[in-house]
Amino acid sequence: MKKWDKVLFAALLLLSLLGIAETGRSLVRGGEAVVTIDEQEVRRLPLDGSGLRTFTDRGLTYTLEIGEDRVRMVEIDCPNRICIHTGWTAAGGTPVVCLPNRLILEVEAP
């Protein structure tokens, strides 16, 4: 192999690896946060941006933070508020659970 053949081969290898990495990342992008209460889906929020989303259901107010294809609970009308300390969840990750309110917050990949 000549010098320029090696350079061309390395460049093509690098481009193909970058393409594989981008494909893997795009599998998670565009997912949705799914909120389930009492085994019934009550909200489905797209993860296409970042910021806070607040909603009320069954007399309780929930505030979720969405950012970079993940979600977390930041505020809830609950006496023990353990789910707030659970942290972020993403597609394939451990869901956020609030047992007193029978709430499950998880991320579904597209």
PDB file of N, CA and C in Angstrom:
ATOM      1  N   MET A   1       0.831  -1.181   0.000  1.00  0.00           N
ATOM      2  CA  MET A   1       0.000   0.000   0.000  1.00  0.00           C
ATOM      3  C   MET A   1       0.877   1.247   0.000  1.00  0.00           C
ATOM      4  N   LYS A   2       0.445   2.199  -0.752  1.00  0.00           N
ATOM      5  CA  LYS A   2       1.161   3.466  -0.786  1.00  0.00           C
ATOM      6  C   LYS A   2       0.670   4.363   0.351  1.00  0.00           C
ATOM      7  N   LYS A   3       1.395   5.439   0.588  1.00  0.00           N
ATOM      8  CA  LYS A   3       1.078   6.364   1.670  1.00  0.00           C
ATOM      9  C   LYS A   3      -0.353   6.900   1.549  1.00  0.00           C
ATOM     10  N   TRP A   4      -0.756   7.339   0.345  1.00  0.00           N
ATOM     11  CA  TRP A   4      -2.080   7.933   0.172  1.00  0.00           C
ATOM     12  C   TRP A   4      -3.187   6.875   0.257  1.00  0.00           C
ATOM     13  N   ASP A   5      -2.873   5.639  -0.055  1.00  0.00           N
ATOM     14  CA  ASP A   5      -3.842   4.556   0.126  1.00  0.00           C
ATOM     15  C   ASP A   5      -4.152   4.371   1.605  1.00  0.00           C
ATOM     16  N   LYS A   6      -3.113   4.437   2.427  1.00  0.00           N
ATOM     17  CA  LYS A   6      -3.293   4.310   3.877  1.00  0.00           C
ATOM     18  C   LYS A   6      -4.107   5.472   4.431  1.00  0.00           C
ATOM     19  N   VAL A   7      -3.821   6.685   3.942  1.00  0.00           N
ATOM     20  CA  VAL A   7      -4.567   7.867   4.395  1.00  0.00           C
ATOM     21  C   VAL A   7      -6.030   7.745   3.998  1.00  0.00           C
ATOM     22  N   LEU A   8      -6.286   7.337   2.773  1.00  0.00           N
ATOM     23  CA  LEU A   8      -7.659   7.169   2.298  1.00  0.00           C
ATOM     24  C   LEU A   8      -8.385   6.081   3.093  1.00  0.00           C
ATOM     25  N   PHE A   9      -7.708   4.990   3.357  1.00  0.00           N
ATOM     26  CA  PHE A   9      -8.296   3.901   4.137  1.00  0.00           C
ATOM     27  C   PHE A   9      -8.635   4.372   5.552  1.00  0.00           C
ATOM     28  N   ALA A  10      -7.728   5.105   6.190  1.00  0.00           N
ATOM     29  CA  ALA A  10      -7.965   5.618   7.544  1.00  0.00           C
ATOM     30  C   ALA A  10      -9.140   6.596   7.563  1.00  0.00           C
ATOM     31  N   ALA A  11      -9.223   7.451   6.550  1.00  0.00           N
ATOM     32  CA  ALA A  11     -10.324   8.420   6.483  1.00  0.00           C
ATOM     33  C   ALA A  11     -11.662   7.708   6.306  1.00  0.00           C
ATOM     34  N   LEU A  12     -11.702   6.715   5.438  1.00  0.00           N
ATOM     35  CA  LEU A  12     -12.947   5.968   5.245  1.00  0.00           C
ATOM     36  C   LEU A  12     -13.339   5.200   6.496  1.00  0.00           C
ATOM     37  N   LEU A  13     -12.361   4.631   7.192  1.00  0.00           N
ATOM     38  CA  LEU A  13     -12.634   3.918   8.431  1.00  0.00           C
ATOM     39  C   LEU A  13     -13.202   4.869   9.487  1.00  0.00           C
ATOM     40  N   LEU A  14     -12.604   6.039   9.603  1.00  0.00           N
ATOM     41  CA  LEU A  14     -13.076   7.031  10.560  1.00  0.00           C
ATOM     42  C   LEU A  14     -14.501   7.480  10.238  1.00  0.00           C
ATOM     43  N   LEU A  15     -14.788   7.752   8.995  1.00  0.00           N
ATOM     44  CA  LEU A  15     -16.139   8.160   8.592  1.00  0.00           C
ATOM     45  C   LEU A  15     -17.162   7.068   8.878  1.00  0.00           C
ATOM     46  N   SER A  16     -16.800   5.832   8.631  1.00  0.00           N
ATOM     47  CA  SER A  16     -17.749   4.747   8.892  1.00  0.00           C
ATOM     48  C   SER A  16     -17.995   4.584  10.389  1.00  0.00           C
ATOM     49  N   LEU A  17     -16.955   4.740  11.223  1.00  0.00           N
ATOM     50  CA  LEU A  17     -17.143   4.660  12.670  1.00  0.00           C
ATOM     51  C   LEU A  17     -17.997   5.808  13.187  1.00  0.00           C
ATOM     52  N   LEU A  18     -17.800   6.993  12.646  1.00  0.00           N
ATOM     53  CA  LEU A  18     -18.640   8.132  13.036  1.00  0.00           C
ATOM     54  C   LEU A  18     -20.092   7.896  12.636  1.00  0.00           C
ATOM     55  N   GLY A  19     -20.316   7.306  11.482  1.00  0.00           N
ATOM     56  CA  GLY A  19     -21.675   6.995  11.046  1.00  0.00           C
ATOM     57  C   GLY A  19     -22.344   5.980  11.951  1.00  0.00           C
ATOM     58  N   ILE A  20     -21.597   4.979  12.399  1.00  0.00           N
ATOM     59  CA  ILE A  20     -22.143   3.977  13.320  1.00  0.00           C
ATOM     60  C   ILE A  20     -22.473   4.619  14.658  1.00  0.00           C
ATOM     61  N   ALA A  21     -21.587   5.472  15.158  1.00  0.00           N
ATOM     62  CA  ALA A  21     -21.832   6.143  16.435  1.00  0.00           C
ATOM     63  C   ALA A  21     -23.064   7.036  16.353  1.00  0.00           C
ATOM     64  N   GLU A  22     -23.227   7.771  15.271  1.00  0.00           N
ATOM     65  CA  GLU A  22     -24.398   8.654  15.115  1.00  0.00           C
ATOM     66  C   GLU A  22     -25.678   7.848  15.010  1.00  0.00           C
ATOM     67  N   THR A  23     -25.631   6.711  14.336  1.00  0.00           N
ATOM     68  CA  THR A  23     -26.810   5.857  14.234  1.00  0.00           C
ATOM     69  C   THR A  23     -27.217   5.354  15.605  1.00  0.00           C
ATOM     70  N   GLY A  24     -26.254   4.974  16.422  1.00  0.00           N
ATOM     71  CA  GLY A  24     -26.556   4.509  17.775  1.00  0.00           C
ATOM     72  C   GLY A  24     -27.175   5.592  18.627  1.00  0.00           C
ATOM     73  N   ARG A  25     -26.685   6.822  18.505  1.00  0.00           N
ATOM     74  CA  ARG A  25     -27.264   7.924  19.270  1.00  0.00           C
ATOM     75  C   ARG A  25     -28.654   8.269  18.795  1.00  0.00           C
ATOM     76  N   SER A  26     -28.922   8.159  17.514  1.00  0.00           N
ATOM     77  CA  SER A  26     -30.232   8.547  16.999  1.00  0.00           C
ATOM     78  C   SER A  26     -31.318   7.559  17.399  1.00  0.00           C
ATOM     79  N   LEU A  27     -30.936   6.362  17.842  1.00  0.00           N
ATOM     80  CA  LEU A  27     -31.937   5.411  18.299  1.00  0.00           C
ATOM     81  C   LEU A  27     -32.623   5.899  19.561  1.00  0.00           C
ATOM     82  N   VAL A  28     -31.909   6.648  20.388  1.00  0.00           N
ATOM     83  CA  VAL A  28     -32.472   7.136  21.637  1.00  0.00           C
ATOM     84  C   VAL A  28     -33.155   8.484  21.437  1.00  0.00           C
ATOM     85  N   ARG A  29     -32.676   9.280  20.513  1.00  0.00           N
ATOM     86  CA  ARG A  29     -33.250  10.609  20.292  1.00  0.00           C
ATOM     87  C   ARG A  29     -34.701  10.490  19.837  1.00  0.00           C
ATOM     88  N   GLY A  30     -35.495  11.439  20.291  1.00  0.00           N
ATOM     89  CA  GLY A  30     -36.880  11.446  19.872  1.00  0.00           C
ATOM     90  C   GLY A  30     -37.765  10.548  20.701  1.00  0.00           C
ATOM     91  N   GLY A  31     -37.255  10.051  21.820  1.00  0.00           N
ATOM     92  CA  GLY A  31     -38.059   9.206  22.683  1.00  0.00           C
ATOM     93  C   GLY A  31     -39.145  10.010  23.384  1.00  0.00           C
ATOM     94  N   GLU A  32     -39.874   9.329  24.232  1.00  0.00           N
ATOM     95  CA  GLU A  32     -40.958   9.980  24.969  1.00  0.00           C
ATOM     96  C   GLU A  32     -40.907   9.575  26.432  1.00  0.00           C
ATOM     97  N   ALA A  33     -41.231  10.544  27.291  1.00  0.00           N
ATOM     98  CA  ALA A  33     -41.418  10.257  28.703  1.00  0.00           C
ATOM     99  C   ALA A  33     -42.864   9.815  28.879  1.00  0.00           C
ATOM    100  N   VAL A  34     -43.048   8.692  29.532  1.00  0.00           N
ATOM    101  CA  VAL A  34     -44.384   8.144  29.734  1.00  0.00           C
ATOM    102  C   VAL A  34     -44.688   8.143  31.225  1.00  0.00           C
ATOM    103  N   VAL A  35     -45.801   8.774  31.604  1.00  0.00           N
ATOM    104  CA  VAL A  35     -46.235   8.840  32.988  1.00  0.00           C
ATOM    105  C   VAL A  35     -47.443   7.929  33.141  1.00  0.00           C
ATOM    106  N   THR A  36     -47.335   6.986  34.063  1.00  0.00           N
ATOM    107  CA  THR A  36     -48.411   6.037  34.331  1.00  0.00           C
ATOM    108  C   THR A  36     -48.829   6.180  35.786  1.00  0.00           C
ATOM    109  N   ILE A  37     -50.132   6.289  36.032  1.00  0.00           N
ATOM    110  CA  ILE A  37     -50.670   6.337  37.391  1.00  0.00           C
ATOM    111  C   ILE A  37     -51.738   5.259  37.502  1.00  0.00           C
ATOM    112  N   ASP A  38     -51.631   4.434  38.531  1.00  0.00           N
ATOM    113  CA  ASP A  38     -52.578   3.320  38.724  1.00  0.00           C
ATOM    114  C   ASP A  38     -52.685   2.461  37.471  1.00  0.00           C
ATOM    115  N   GLU A  39     -51.542   2.175  36.855  1.00  0.00           N
ATOM    116  CA  GLU A  39     -51.450   1.332  35.673  1.00  0.00           C
ATOM    117  C   GLU A  39     -52.157   1.900  34.438  1.00  0.00           C
ATOM    118  N   GLN A  40     -52.467   3.189  34.464  1.00  0.00           N
ATOM    119  CA  GLN A  40     -53.080   3.851  33.314  1.00  0.00           C
ATOM    120  C   GLN A  40     -52.158   4.969  32.838  1.00  0.00           C
ATOM    121  N   GLU A  41     -51.871   4.991  31.551  1.00  0.00           N
ATOM    122  CA  GLU A  41     -51.035   6.040  30.990  1.00  0.00           C
ATOM    123  C   GLU A  41     -51.797   7.358  31.030  1.00  0.00           C
ATOM    124  N   VAL A  42     -51.199   8.373  31.676  1.00  0.00           N
ATOM    125  CA  VAL A  42     -51.869   9.668  31.792  1.00  0.00           C
ATOM    126  C   VAL A  42     -51.183  10.770  30.988  1.00  0.00           C
ATOM    127  N   ARG A  43     -49.884  10.616  30.696  1.00  0.00           N
ATOM    128  CA  ARG A  43     -49.168  11.619  29.919  1.00  0.00           C
ATOM    129  C   ARG A  43     -48.092  10.934  29.084  1.00  0.00           C
ATOM    130  N   ARG A  44     -47.859  11.510  27.915  1.00  0.00           N
ATOM    131  CA  ARG A  44     -46.770  11.087  27.031  1.00  0.00           C
ATOM    132  C   ARG A  44     -46.132  12.377  26.525  1.00  0.00           C
ATOM    133  N   LEU A  45     -44.897  12.637  26.970  1.00  0.00           N
ATOM    134  CA  LEU A  45     -44.226  13.895  26.668  1.00  0.00           C
ATOM    135  C   LEU A  45     -43.013  13.649  25.779  1.00  0.00           C
ATOM    136  N   PRO A  46     -42.924  14.317  24.634  1.00  0.00           N
ATOM    137  CA  PRO A  46     -41.767  14.128  23.748  1.00  0.00           C
ATOM    138  C   PRO A  46     -40.495  14.689  24.391  1.00  0.00           C
ATOM    139  N   LEU A  47     -39.380  14.016  24.163  1.00  0.00           N
ATOM    140  CA  LEU A  47     -38.090  14.452  24.696  1.00  0.00           C
ATOM    141  C   LEU A  47     -37.308  15.215  23.636  1.00  0.00           C
ATOM    142  N   ASP A  48     -37.987  16.078  22.910  1.00  0.00           N
ATOM    143  CA  ASP A  48     -37.351  16.800  21.807  1.00  0.00           C
ATOM    144  C   ASP A  48     -36.818  18.167  22.215  1.00  0.00           C
ATOM    145  N   GLY A  49     -36.828  18.463  23.462  1.00  0.00           N
ATOM    146  CA  GLY A  49     -36.315  19.740  23.942  1.00  0.00           C
ATOM    147  C   GLY A  49     -35.901  19.602  25.385  1.00  0.00           C
ATOM    148  N   SER A  50     -35.777  20.713  26.059  1.00  0.00           N
ATOM    149  CA  SER A  50     -35.467  20.657  27.478  1.00  0.00           C
ATOM    150  C   SER A  50     -36.319  21.689  28.193  1.00  0.00           C
ATOM    151  N   GLY A  51     -36.471  21.492  29.491  1.00  0.00           N
ATOM    152  CA  GLY A  51     -37.267  22.415  30.286  1.00  0.00           C
ATOM    153  C   GLY A  51     -38.170  21.689  31.249  1.00  0.00           C
ATOM    154  N   LEU A  52     -39.009  22.454  31.918  1.00  0.00           N
ATOM    155  CA  LEU A  52     -39.917  21.900  32.913  1.00  0.00           C
ATOM    156  C   LEU A  52     -41.304  21.704  32.323  1.00  0.00           C
ATOM    157  N   ARG A  53     -41.965  20.629  32.704  1.00  0.00           N
ATOM    158  CA  ARG A  53     -43.352  20.362  32.313  1.00  0.00           C
ATOM    159  C   ARG A  53     -44.133  20.083  33.586  1.00  0.00           C
ATOM    160  N   THR A  54     -45.218  20.809  33.798  1.00  0.00           N
ATOM    161  CA  THR A  54     -46.043  20.637  34.986  1.00  0.00           C
ATOM    162  C   THR A  54     -47.435  20.211  34.563  1.00  0.00           C
ATOM    163  N   PHE A  55     -47.996  19.250  35.290  1.00  0.00           N
ATOM    164  CA  PHE A  55     -49.366  18.834  35.038  1.00  0.00           C
ATOM    165  C   PHE A  55     -50.002  18.390  36.342  1.00  0.00           C
ATOM    166  N   THR A  56     -51.322  18.402  36.355  1.00  0.00           N
ATOM    167  CA  THR A  56     -52.092  17.985  37.526  1.00  0.00           C
ATOM    168  C   THR A  56     -52.949  16.803  37.145  1.00  0.00           C
ATOM    169  N   ASP A  57     -52.964  15.810  38.009  1.00  0.00           N
ATOM    170  CA  ASP A  57     -53.786  14.625  37.782  1.00  0.00           C
ATOM    171  C   ASP A  57     -54.211  14.079  39.129  1.00  0.00           C
ATOM    172  N   ARG A  58     -55.500  13.832  39.285  1.00  0.00           N
ATOM    173  CA  ARG A  58     -56.075  13.275  40.514  1.00  0.00           C
ATOM    174  C   ARG A  58     -55.746  14.114  41.746  1.00  0.00           C
ATOM    175  N   GLY A  59     -55.767  15.431  41.547  1.00  0.00           N
ATOM    176  CA  GLY A  59     -55.563  16.354  42.652  1.00  0.00           C
ATOM    177  C   GLY A  59     -54.118  16.592  43.045  1.00  0.00           C
ATOM    178  N   LEU A  60     -53.169  15.985  42.355  1.00  0.00           N
ATOM    179  CA  LEU A  60     -51.752  16.179  42.651  1.00  0.00           C
ATOM    180  C   LEU A  60     -51.067  16.894  41.496  1.00  0.00           C
ATOM    181  N   THR A  61     -50.094  17.733  41.818  1.00  0.00           N
ATOM    182  CA  THR A  61     -49.344  18.455  40.796  1.00  0.00           C
ATOM    183  C   THR A  61     -47.946  17.859  40.697  1.00  0.00           C
ATOM    184  N   TYR A  62     -47.535  17.572  39.463  1.00  0.00           N
ATOM    185  CA  TYR A  62     -46.239  16.969  39.172  1.00  0.00           C
ATOM    186  C   TYR A  62     -45.452  17.921  38.283  1.00  0.00           C
ATOM    187  N   THR A  63     -44.151  18.059  38.546  1.00  0.00           N
ATOM    188  CA  THR A  63     -43.275  18.839  37.685  1.00  0.00           C
ATOM    189  C   THR A  63     -42.106  17.956  37.270  1.00  0.00           C
ATOM    190  N   LEU A  64     -41.954  17.802  35.958  1.00  0.00           N
ATOM    191  CA  LEU A  64     -40.883  16.994  35.390  1.00  0.00           C
ATOM    192  C   LEU A  64     -39.879  17.908  34.700  1.00  0.00           C
ATOM    193  N   GLU A  65     -38.630  17.516  34.714  1.00  0.00           N
ATOM    194  CA  GLU A  65     -37.610  18.232  33.956  1.00  0.00           C
ATOM    195  C   GLU A  65     -37.125  17.321  32.837  1.00  0.00           C
ATOM    196  N   ILE A  66     -37.151  17.862  31.628  1.00  0.00           N
ATOM    197  CA  ILE A  66     -36.715  17.108  30.457  1.00  0.00           C
ATOM    198  C   ILE A  66     -35.431  17.732  29.948  1.00  0.00           C
ATOM    199  N   GLY A  67     -34.454  16.885  29.650  1.00  0.00           N
ATOM    200  CA  GLY A  67     -33.195  17.389  29.127  1.00  0.00           C
ATOM    201  C   GLY A  67     -32.353  16.294  28.513  1.00  0.00           C
ATOM    202  N   GLU A  68     -31.879  16.508  27.299  1.00  0.00           N
ATOM    203  CA  GLU A  68     -30.961  15.602  26.609  1.00  0.00           C
ATOM    204  C   GLU A  68     -31.424  14.150  26.638  1.00  0.00           C
ATOM    205  N   ASP A  69     -32.612  13.894  26.176  1.00  0.00           N
ATOM    206  CA  ASP A  69     -33.167  12.541  26.043  1.00  0.00           C
ATOM    207  C   ASP A  69     -33.313  11.815  27.371  1.00  0.00           C
ATOM    208  N   ARG A  70     -33.554  12.564  28.433  1.00  0.00           N
ATOM    209  CA  ARG A  70     -33.790  11.972  29.742  1.00  0.00           C
ATOM    210  C   ARG A  70     -34.786  12.832  30.502  1.00  0.00           C
ATOM    211  N   VAL A  71     -35.270  12.309  31.619  1.00  0.00           N
ATOM    212  CA  VAL A  71     -36.299  13.015  32.380  1.00  0.00           C
ATOM    213  C   VAL A  71     -36.132  12.697  33.866  1.00  0.00           C
ATOM    214  N   ARG A  72     -36.585  13.633  34.707  1.00  0.00           N
ATOM    215  CA  ARG A  72     -36.587  13.399  36.148  1.00  0.00           C
ATOM    216  C   ARG A  72     -37.746  14.154  36.790  1.00  0.00           C
ATOM    217  N   MET A  73     -38.123  13.720  37.970  1.00  0.00           N
ATOM    218  CA  MET A  73     -39.162  14.381  38.748  1.00  0.00           C
ATOM    219  C   MET A  73     -38.478  15.447  39.600  1.00  0.00           C
ATOM    220  N   VAL A  74     -38.974  16.696  39.519  1.00  0.00           N
ATOM    221  CA  VAL A  74     -38.366  17.762  40.320  1.00  0.00           C
ATOM    222  C   VAL A  74     -39.292  18.289  41.404  1.00  0.00           C
ATOM    223  N   GLU A  75     -40.591  18.083  41.258  1.00  0.00           N
ATOM    224  CA  GLU A  75     -41.538  18.542  42.280  1.00  0.00           C
ATOM    225  C   GLU A  75     -42.778  17.673  42.225  1.00  0.00           C
ATOM    226  N   ILE A  76     -43.312  17.370  43.420  1.00  0.00           N
ATOM    227  CA  ILE A  76     -44.525  16.552  43.513  1.00  0.00           C
ATOM    228  C   ILE A  76     -45.206  16.842  44.841  1.00  0.00           C
ATOM    229  N   ASP A  77     -46.533  16.801  44.848  1.00  0.00           N
ATOM    230  CA  ASP A  77     -47.305  16.969  46.083  1.00  0.00           C
ATOM    231  C   ASP A  77     -47.361  15.623  46.797  1.00  0.00           C
ATOM    232  N   CYS A  78     -46.329  15.310  47.516  1.00  0.00           N
ATOM    233  CA  CYS A  78     -46.225  14.003  48.153  1.00  0.00           C
ATOM    234  C   CYS A  78     -45.488  14.193  49.476  1.00  0.00           C
ATOM    235  N   PRO A  79     -45.917  13.530  50.531  1.00  0.00           N
ATOM    236  CA  PRO A  79     -45.275  13.767  51.818  1.00  0.00           C
ATOM    237  C   PRO A  79     -43.805  13.344  51.893  1.00  0.00           C
ATOM    238  N   ASN A  80     -43.420  12.220  51.292  1.00  0.00           N
ATOM    239  CA  ASN A  80     -42.036  11.766  51.451  1.00  0.00           C
ATOM    240  C   ASN A  80     -41.115  12.179  50.309  1.00  0.00           C
ATOM    241  N   ARG A  81     -41.609  12.452  49.131  1.00  0.00           N
ATOM    242  CA  ARG A  81     -40.877  12.992  47.985  1.00  0.00           C
ATOM    243  C   ARG A  81     -39.621  12.191  47.621  1.00  0.00           C
ATOM    244  N   ILE A  82     -39.650  10.900  47.823  1.00  0.00           N
ATOM    245  CA  ILE A  82     -38.500  10.050  47.510  1.00  0.00           C
ATOM    246  C   ILE A  82     -38.212  10.052  46.012  1.00  0.00           C
ATOM    247  N   CYS A  83     -39.244  10.104  45.184  1.00  0.00           N
ATOM    248  CA  CYS A  83     -39.036  10.037  43.732  1.00  0.00           C
ATOM    249  C   CYS A  83     -38.226  11.221  43.207  1.00  0.00           C
ATOM    250  N   ILE A  84     -38.239  12.339  43.919  1.00  0.00           N
ATOM    251  CA  ILE A  84     -37.452  13.498  43.505  1.00  0.00           C
ATOM    252  C   ILE A  84     -35.963  13.187  43.612  1.00  0.00           C
ATOM    253  N   HIS A  85     -35.601  12.387  44.597  1.00  0.00           N
ATOM    254  CA  HIS A  85     -34.193  12.069  44.836  1.00  0.00           C
ATOM    255  C   HIS A  85     -33.707  10.887  43.997  1.00  0.00           C
ATOM    256  N   THR A  86     -34.587  10.308  43.197  1.00  0.00           N
ATOM    257  CA  THR A  86     -34.207   9.184  42.348  1.00  0.00           C
ATOM    258  C   THR A  86     -33.252   9.628  41.250  1.00  0.00           C
ATOM    259  N   GLY A  87     -33.432  10.825  40.737  1.00  0.00           N
ATOM    260  CA  GLY A  87     -32.555  11.349  39.691  1.00  0.00           C
ATOM    261  C   GLY A  87     -33.131  11.134  38.304  1.00  0.00           C
ATOM    262  N   TRP A  88     -32.242  11.195  37.328  1.00  0.00           N
ATOM    263  CA  TRP A  88     -32.623  11.126  35.921  1.00  0.00           C
ATOM    264  C   TRP A  88     -32.862   9.688  35.494  1.00  0.00           C
ATOM    265  N   THR A  89     -33.742   9.523  34.510  1.00  0.00           N
ATOM    266  CA  THR A  89     -33.914   8.238  33.847  1.00  0.00           C
ATOM    267  C   THR A  89     -33.915   8.473  32.342  1.00  0.00           C
ATOM    268  N   ALA A  90     -33.460   7.468  31.622  1.00  0.00           N
ATOM    269  CA  ALA A  90     -33.391   7.535  30.161  1.00  0.00           C
ATOM    270  C   ALA A  90     -33.909   6.220  29.602  1.00  0.00           C
ATOM    271  N   ALA A  91     -33.965   6.109  28.290  1.00  0.00           N
ATOM    272  CA  ALA A  91     -34.452   4.888  27.647  1.00  0.00           C
ATOM    273  C   ALA A  91     -33.611   3.708  28.111  1.00  0.00           C
ATOM    274  N   GLY A  92     -34.267   2.669  28.551  1.00  0.00           N
ATOM    275  CA  GLY A  92     -33.583   1.478  29.031  1.00  0.00           C
ATOM    276  C   GLY A  92     -33.113   1.592  30.469  1.00  0.00           C
ATOM    277  N   GLY A  93     -33.317   2.747  31.095  1.00  0.00           N
ATOM    278  CA  GLY A  93     -32.883   2.959  32.479  1.00  0.00           C
ATOM    279  C   GLY A  93     -33.962   2.590  33.474  1.00  0.00           C
ATOM    280  N   THR A  94     -33.621   2.682  34.735  1.00  0.00           N
ATOM    281  CA  THR A  94     -34.554   2.393  35.819  1.00  0.00           C
ATOM    282  C   THR A  94     -35.612   3.485  35.876  1.00  0.00           C
ATOM    283  N   PRO A  95     -36.896   3.119  35.889  1.00  0.00           N
ATOM    284  CA  PRO A  95     -37.940   4.152  35.946  1.00  0.00           C
ATOM    285  C   PRO A  95     -37.970   4.844  37.302  1.00  0.00           C
ATOM    286  N   VAL A  96     -38.516   6.051  37.311  1.00  0.00           N
ATOM    287  CA  VAL A  96     -38.762   6.782  38.547  1.00  0.00           C
ATOM    288  C   VAL A  96     -40.122   6.327  39.064  1.00  0.00           C
ATOM    289  N   VAL A  97     -40.184   5.961  40.348  1.00  0.00           N
ATOM    290  CA  VAL A  97     -41.415   5.415  40.912  1.00  0.00           C
ATOM    291  C   VAL A  97     -41.803   6.197  42.158  1.00  0.00           C
ATOM    292  N   CYS A  98     -43.071   6.562  42.268  1.00  0.00           N
ATOM    293  CA  CYS A  98     -43.634   7.178  43.459  1.00  0.00           C
ATOM    294  C   CYS A  98     -44.706   6.220  43.975  1.00  0.00           C
ATOM    295  N   LEU A  99     -44.385   5.468  45.027  1.00  0.00           N
ATOM    296  CA  LEU A  99     -45.316   4.450  45.519  1.00  0.00           C
ATOM    297  C   LEU A  99     -46.592   5.010  46.142  1.00  0.00           C
ATOM    298  N   PRO A 100     -46.526   6.074  46.963  1.00  0.00           N
ATOM    299  CA  PRO A 100     -47.787   6.565  47.538  1.00  0.00           C
ATOM    300  C   PRO A 100     -48.799   7.003  46.476  1.00  0.00           C
ATOM    301  N   ASN A 101     -48.297   7.556  45.364  1.00  0.00           N
ATOM    302  CA  ASN A 101     -49.192   8.034  44.307  1.00  0.00           C
ATOM    303  C   ASN A 101     -49.339   7.040  43.176  1.00  0.00           C
ATOM    304  N   ARG A 102     -48.664   5.899  43.270  1.00  0.00           N
ATOM    305  CA  ARG A 102     -48.732   4.823  42.272  1.00  0.00           C
ATOM    306  C   ARG A 102     -48.363   5.350  40.887  1.00  0.00           C
ATOM    307  N   LEU A 103     -47.301   6.167  40.863  1.00  0.00           N
ATOM    308  CA  LEU A 103     -46.843   6.799  39.630  1.00  0.00           C
ATOM    309  C   LEU A 103     -45.560   6.125  39.154  1.00  0.00           C
ATOM    310  N   ILE A 104     -45.455   5.913  37.848  1.00  0.00           N
ATOM    311  CA  ILE A 104     -44.239   5.409  37.224  1.00  0.00           C
ATOM    312  C   ILE A 104     -43.892   6.360  36.083  1.00  0.00           C
ATOM    313  N   LEU A 105     -42.638   6.806  36.074  1.00  0.00           N
ATOM    314  CA  LEU A 105     -42.131   7.695  35.039  1.00  0.00           C
ATOM    315  C   LEU A 105     -40.992   6.962  34.338  1.00  0.00           C
ATOM    316  N   GLU A 106     -41.164   6.707  33.038  1.00  0.00           N
ATOM    317  CA  GLU A 106     -40.134   6.006  32.296  1.00  0.00           C
ATOM    318  C   GLU A 106     -39.990   6.609  30.910  1.00  0.00           C
ATOM    319  N   VAL A 107     -38.905   6.247  30.234  1.00  0.00           N
ATOM    320  CA  VAL A 107     -38.627   6.776  28.894  1.00  0.00           C
ATOM    321  C   VAL A 107     -38.685   5.643  27.906  1.00  0.00           C
ATOM    322  N   GLU A 108     -39.447   5.860  26.852  1.00  0.00           N
ATOM    323  CA  GLU A 108     -39.537   4.893  25.748  1.00  0.00           C
ATOM    324  C   GLU A 108     -38.745   5.433  24.571  1.00  0.00           C
ATOM    325  N   ALA A 109     -37.881   4.602  24.013  1.00  0.00           N
ATOM    326  CA  ALA A 109     -37.138   4.982  22.809  1.00  0.00           C
ATOM    327  C   ALA A 109     -38.070   4.851  21.605  1.00  0.00           C
ATOM    328  N   PRO A 110     -37.790   5.617  20.555  1.00  0.00           N
ATOM    329  CA  PRO A 110     -38.663   5.531  19.364  1.00  0.00           C
ATOM    330  C   PRO A 110     -38.547   4.183  18.673  1.00  0.00           C
TER     331      PRO A 110
END
